[in-house]
């Protein structure tokens, strides 16, 4: 049986993806994520988004940012 990664480790990898793609430091990446619609949904227990994989969450965030920049 494979050991599961702790929740915070998984979300740290999501933050790392944001930092790398958008060339942001940790503070700016956190601010950008949590002020986005994806970040708001992530913080809302009703959506269940917090239980999704970091790559899925990053994909939602990335799509949101890319659509804003069109």
N, C-alpha and C. Protein backbone atom coordinates (compact mmCIF):
# COMPACT_ATOMS: atom_id res chain seq x y z
N UNK A 1 0.84 -1.19 0.00
CA UNK A 1 0.00 0.00 0.00
C UNK A 1 0.88 1.24 0.00
N UNK A 2 0.58 2.17 -0.86
CA UNK A 2 1.36 3.39 -1.00
C UNK A 2 0.97 4.40 0.08
N UNK A 3 1.96 5.01 0.69
CA UNK A 3 1.70 6.03 1.71
C UNK A 3 1.18 7.29 1.04
N UNK A 4 0.22 7.93 1.66
CA UNK A 4 -0.32 9.17 1.13
C UNK A 4 0.54 10.33 1.59
N UNK A 5 0.68 11.31 0.71
CA UNK A 5 1.38 12.53 1.09
C UNK A 5 0.49 13.33 2.02
N UNK A 6 1.09 14.02 2.97
CA UNK A 6 0.28 14.91 3.81
C UNK A 6 -0.36 16.01 2.95
N UNK A 7 -1.53 16.46 3.37
CA UNK A 7 -2.30 17.47 2.64
C UNK A 7 -1.46 18.71 2.35
N UNK A 8 -0.74 19.22 3.34
CA UNK A 8 0.03 20.44 3.13
C UNK A 8 1.14 20.25 2.12
N UNK A 9 1.76 19.07 2.08
CA UNK A 9 2.79 18.81 1.08
C UNK A 9 2.21 18.88 -0.32
N UNK A 10 1.01 18.34 -0.50
CA UNK A 10 0.38 18.36 -1.81
C UNK A 10 0.07 19.79 -2.23
N UNK A 11 -0.43 20.60 -1.31
CA UNK A 11 -0.76 21.97 -1.66
C UNK A 11 0.49 22.81 -1.83
N UNK A 12 1.57 22.46 -1.17
CA UNK A 12 2.84 23.14 -1.39
C UNK A 12 3.31 22.91 -2.82
N UNK A 13 3.06 21.72 -3.36
CA UNK A 13 3.45 21.47 -4.74
C UNK A 13 2.61 22.31 -5.69
N UNK A 14 1.36 22.56 -5.34
CA UNK A 14 0.50 23.44 -6.13
C UNK A 14 1.09 24.85 -6.14
N UNK A 15 1.51 25.32 -4.99
CA UNK A 15 2.13 26.63 -4.88
C UNK A 15 3.42 26.68 -5.70
N UNK A 16 4.20 25.62 -5.66
CA UNK A 16 5.44 25.56 -6.43
C UNK A 16 5.15 25.67 -7.93
N UNK A 17 4.11 25.00 -8.39
CA UNK A 17 3.74 25.07 -9.81
C UNK A 17 3.39 26.51 -10.21
N UNK A 18 2.65 27.19 -9.36
CA UNK A 18 2.27 28.58 -9.63
C UNK A 18 3.52 29.47 -9.66
N UNK A 19 4.40 29.26 -8.70
CA UNK A 19 5.64 30.05 -8.64
C UNK A 19 6.46 29.87 -9.91
N UNK A 20 6.57 28.63 -10.36
CA UNK A 20 7.39 28.34 -11.54
C UNK A 20 6.76 28.88 -12.83
N UNK A 21 5.47 28.64 -13.02
CA UNK A 21 4.83 29.05 -14.28
C UNK A 21 4.76 30.57 -14.42
N UNK A 22 4.46 31.25 -13.31
CA UNK A 22 4.23 32.69 -13.38
C UNK A 22 5.41 33.51 -12.84
N UNK A 23 6.52 32.83 -12.56
CA UNK A 23 7.74 33.49 -12.09
C UNK A 23 7.47 34.41 -10.89
N UNK A 24 6.83 33.84 -9.87
CA UNK A 24 6.47 34.58 -8.66
C UNK A 24 7.23 34.03 -7.47
N UNK A 25 7.48 34.90 -6.48
CA UNK A 25 8.03 34.38 -5.23
C UNK A 25 6.87 33.80 -4.42
N UNK A 26 7.19 33.18 -3.31
CA UNK A 26 6.17 32.47 -2.52
C UNK A 26 5.05 33.39 -2.06
N UNK A 27 5.39 34.56 -1.55
CA UNK A 27 4.39 35.50 -1.06
C UNK A 27 3.46 35.96 -2.18
N UNK A 28 4.02 36.30 -3.32
CA UNK A 28 3.21 36.75 -4.46
C UNK A 28 2.33 35.63 -4.99
N UNK A 29 2.85 34.41 -5.01
CA UNK A 29 2.07 33.26 -5.49
C UNK A 29 0.90 32.98 -4.56
N UNK A 30 1.13 33.04 -3.26
CA UNK A 30 0.04 32.85 -2.29
C UNK A 30 -1.03 33.92 -2.47
N UNK A 31 -0.60 35.16 -2.58
CA UNK A 31 -1.54 36.26 -2.76
C UNK A 31 -2.33 36.10 -4.05
N UNK A 32 -1.64 35.78 -5.13
CA UNK A 32 -2.31 35.61 -6.43
C UNK A 32 -3.33 34.47 -6.37
N UNK A 33 -2.96 33.36 -5.75
CA UNK A 33 -3.87 32.22 -5.68
C UNK A 33 -5.09 32.52 -4.82
N UNK A 34 -4.87 33.02 -3.61
CA UNK A 34 -5.99 33.21 -2.69
C UNK A 34 -6.87 34.40 -3.03
N UNK A 35 -6.45 35.28 -3.94
CA UNK A 35 -7.33 36.35 -4.40
C UNK A 35 -8.02 36.00 -5.72
N UNK A 36 -7.78 34.79 -6.21
CA UNK A 36 -8.42 34.33 -7.44
C UNK A 36 -9.74 33.62 -7.12
N UNK A 37 -10.55 33.42 -8.14
CA UNK A 37 -11.80 32.66 -7.96
C UNK A 37 -11.49 31.22 -7.56
N UNK A 38 -10.43 30.65 -8.13
CA UNK A 38 -10.04 29.29 -7.77
C UNK A 38 -9.65 29.22 -6.30
N UNK A 39 -8.89 30.21 -5.84
CA UNK A 39 -8.50 30.27 -4.44
C UNK A 39 -9.70 30.42 -3.52
N UNK A 40 -10.67 31.22 -3.93
CA UNK A 40 -11.89 31.38 -3.13
C UNK A 40 -12.64 30.06 -3.04
N UNK A 41 -12.73 29.35 -4.16
CA UNK A 41 -13.40 28.04 -4.15
C UNK A 41 -12.63 27.03 -3.32
N UNK A 42 -11.31 27.10 -3.37
CA UNK A 42 -10.46 26.20 -2.59
C UNK A 42 -10.71 26.41 -1.09
N UNK A 43 -10.92 27.64 -0.69
CA UNK A 43 -11.13 27.98 0.72
C UNK A 43 -12.55 27.66 1.19
N UNK A 44 -13.45 27.40 0.28
CA UNK A 44 -14.85 27.13 0.60
C UNK A 44 -15.07 25.62 0.76
N UNK A 45 -15.34 25.18 1.98
CA UNK A 45 -15.54 23.76 2.26
C UNK A 45 -16.67 23.15 1.43
N UNK A 46 -17.64 23.96 1.06
CA UNK A 46 -18.80 23.47 0.30
C UNK A 46 -18.41 22.94 -1.09
N UNK A 47 -17.35 23.47 -1.67
CA UNK A 47 -16.98 23.07 -3.04
C UNK A 47 -16.25 21.73 -3.08
N UNK A 48 -15.58 21.37 -2.00
CA UNK A 48 -14.80 20.14 -1.98
C UNK A 48 -13.51 20.23 -2.79
N UNK A 49 -13.19 21.42 -3.27
CA UNK A 49 -11.99 21.59 -4.10
C UNK A 49 -10.72 21.27 -3.33
N UNK A 50 -10.72 21.52 -2.03
CA UNK A 50 -9.54 21.24 -1.20
C UNK A 50 -9.14 19.77 -1.25
N UNK A 51 -10.04 18.89 -1.62
CA UNK A 51 -9.75 17.46 -1.67
C UNK A 51 -9.22 16.99 -3.02
N UNK A 52 -9.13 17.89 -3.97
CA UNK A 52 -8.65 17.53 -5.31
C UNK A 52 -7.13 17.56 -5.37
N UNK A 53 -6.59 16.98 -6.41
CA UNK A 53 -5.13 16.91 -6.56
C UNK A 53 -4.55 18.29 -6.87
N UNK A 54 -3.29 18.50 -6.51
CA UNK A 54 -2.64 19.77 -6.82
C UNK A 54 -2.63 20.08 -8.32
N UNK A 55 -2.44 19.08 -9.16
CA UNK A 55 -2.43 19.33 -10.60
C UNK A 55 -3.80 19.77 -11.11
N UNK A 56 -4.86 19.21 -10.55
CA UNK A 56 -6.21 19.61 -10.94
C UNK A 56 -6.45 21.07 -10.54
N UNK A 57 -6.10 21.40 -9.30
CA UNK A 57 -6.29 22.76 -8.80
C UNK A 57 -5.44 23.74 -9.61
N UNK A 58 -4.20 23.36 -9.88
CA UNK A 58 -3.33 24.21 -10.68
C UNK A 58 -3.92 24.42 -12.08
N UNK A 59 -4.48 23.38 -12.66
CA UNK A 59 -5.11 23.51 -13.97
C UNK A 59 -6.26 24.50 -13.96
N UNK A 60 -7.09 24.44 -12.92
CA UNK A 60 -8.19 25.40 -12.80
C UNK A 60 -7.66 26.82 -12.68
N UNK A 61 -6.66 26.97 -11.81
CA UNK A 61 -6.08 28.30 -11.59
C UNK A 61 -5.44 28.82 -12.88
N UNK A 62 -4.67 27.99 -13.52
CA UNK A 62 -3.98 28.37 -14.75
C UNK A 62 -4.97 28.78 -15.84
N UNK A 63 -6.03 28.01 -15.99
CA UNK A 63 -7.07 28.36 -16.97
C UNK A 63 -7.72 29.70 -16.64
N UNK A 64 -7.98 29.92 -15.36
CA UNK A 64 -8.58 31.18 -14.93
C UNK A 64 -7.67 32.36 -15.29
N UNK A 65 -6.40 32.25 -14.98
CA UNK A 65 -5.45 33.33 -15.27
C UNK A 65 -5.29 33.52 -16.77
N UNK A 66 -5.17 32.43 -17.51
CA UNK A 66 -5.02 32.52 -18.96
C UNK A 66 -6.23 33.20 -19.61
N UNK A 67 -7.44 32.90 -19.13
CA UNK A 67 -8.65 33.52 -19.67
C UNK A 67 -8.69 35.01 -19.36
N UNK A 68 -8.18 35.40 -18.19
CA UNK A 68 -8.15 36.82 -17.82
C UNK A 68 -7.18 37.59 -18.71
N UNK A 69 -6.15 36.91 -19.19
CA UNK A 69 -5.12 37.57 -19.98
C UNK A 69 -5.40 37.57 -21.48
N UNK A 70 -6.58 37.10 -21.89
CA UNK A 70 -6.92 37.11 -23.32
C UNK A 70 -7.24 38.50 -23.81
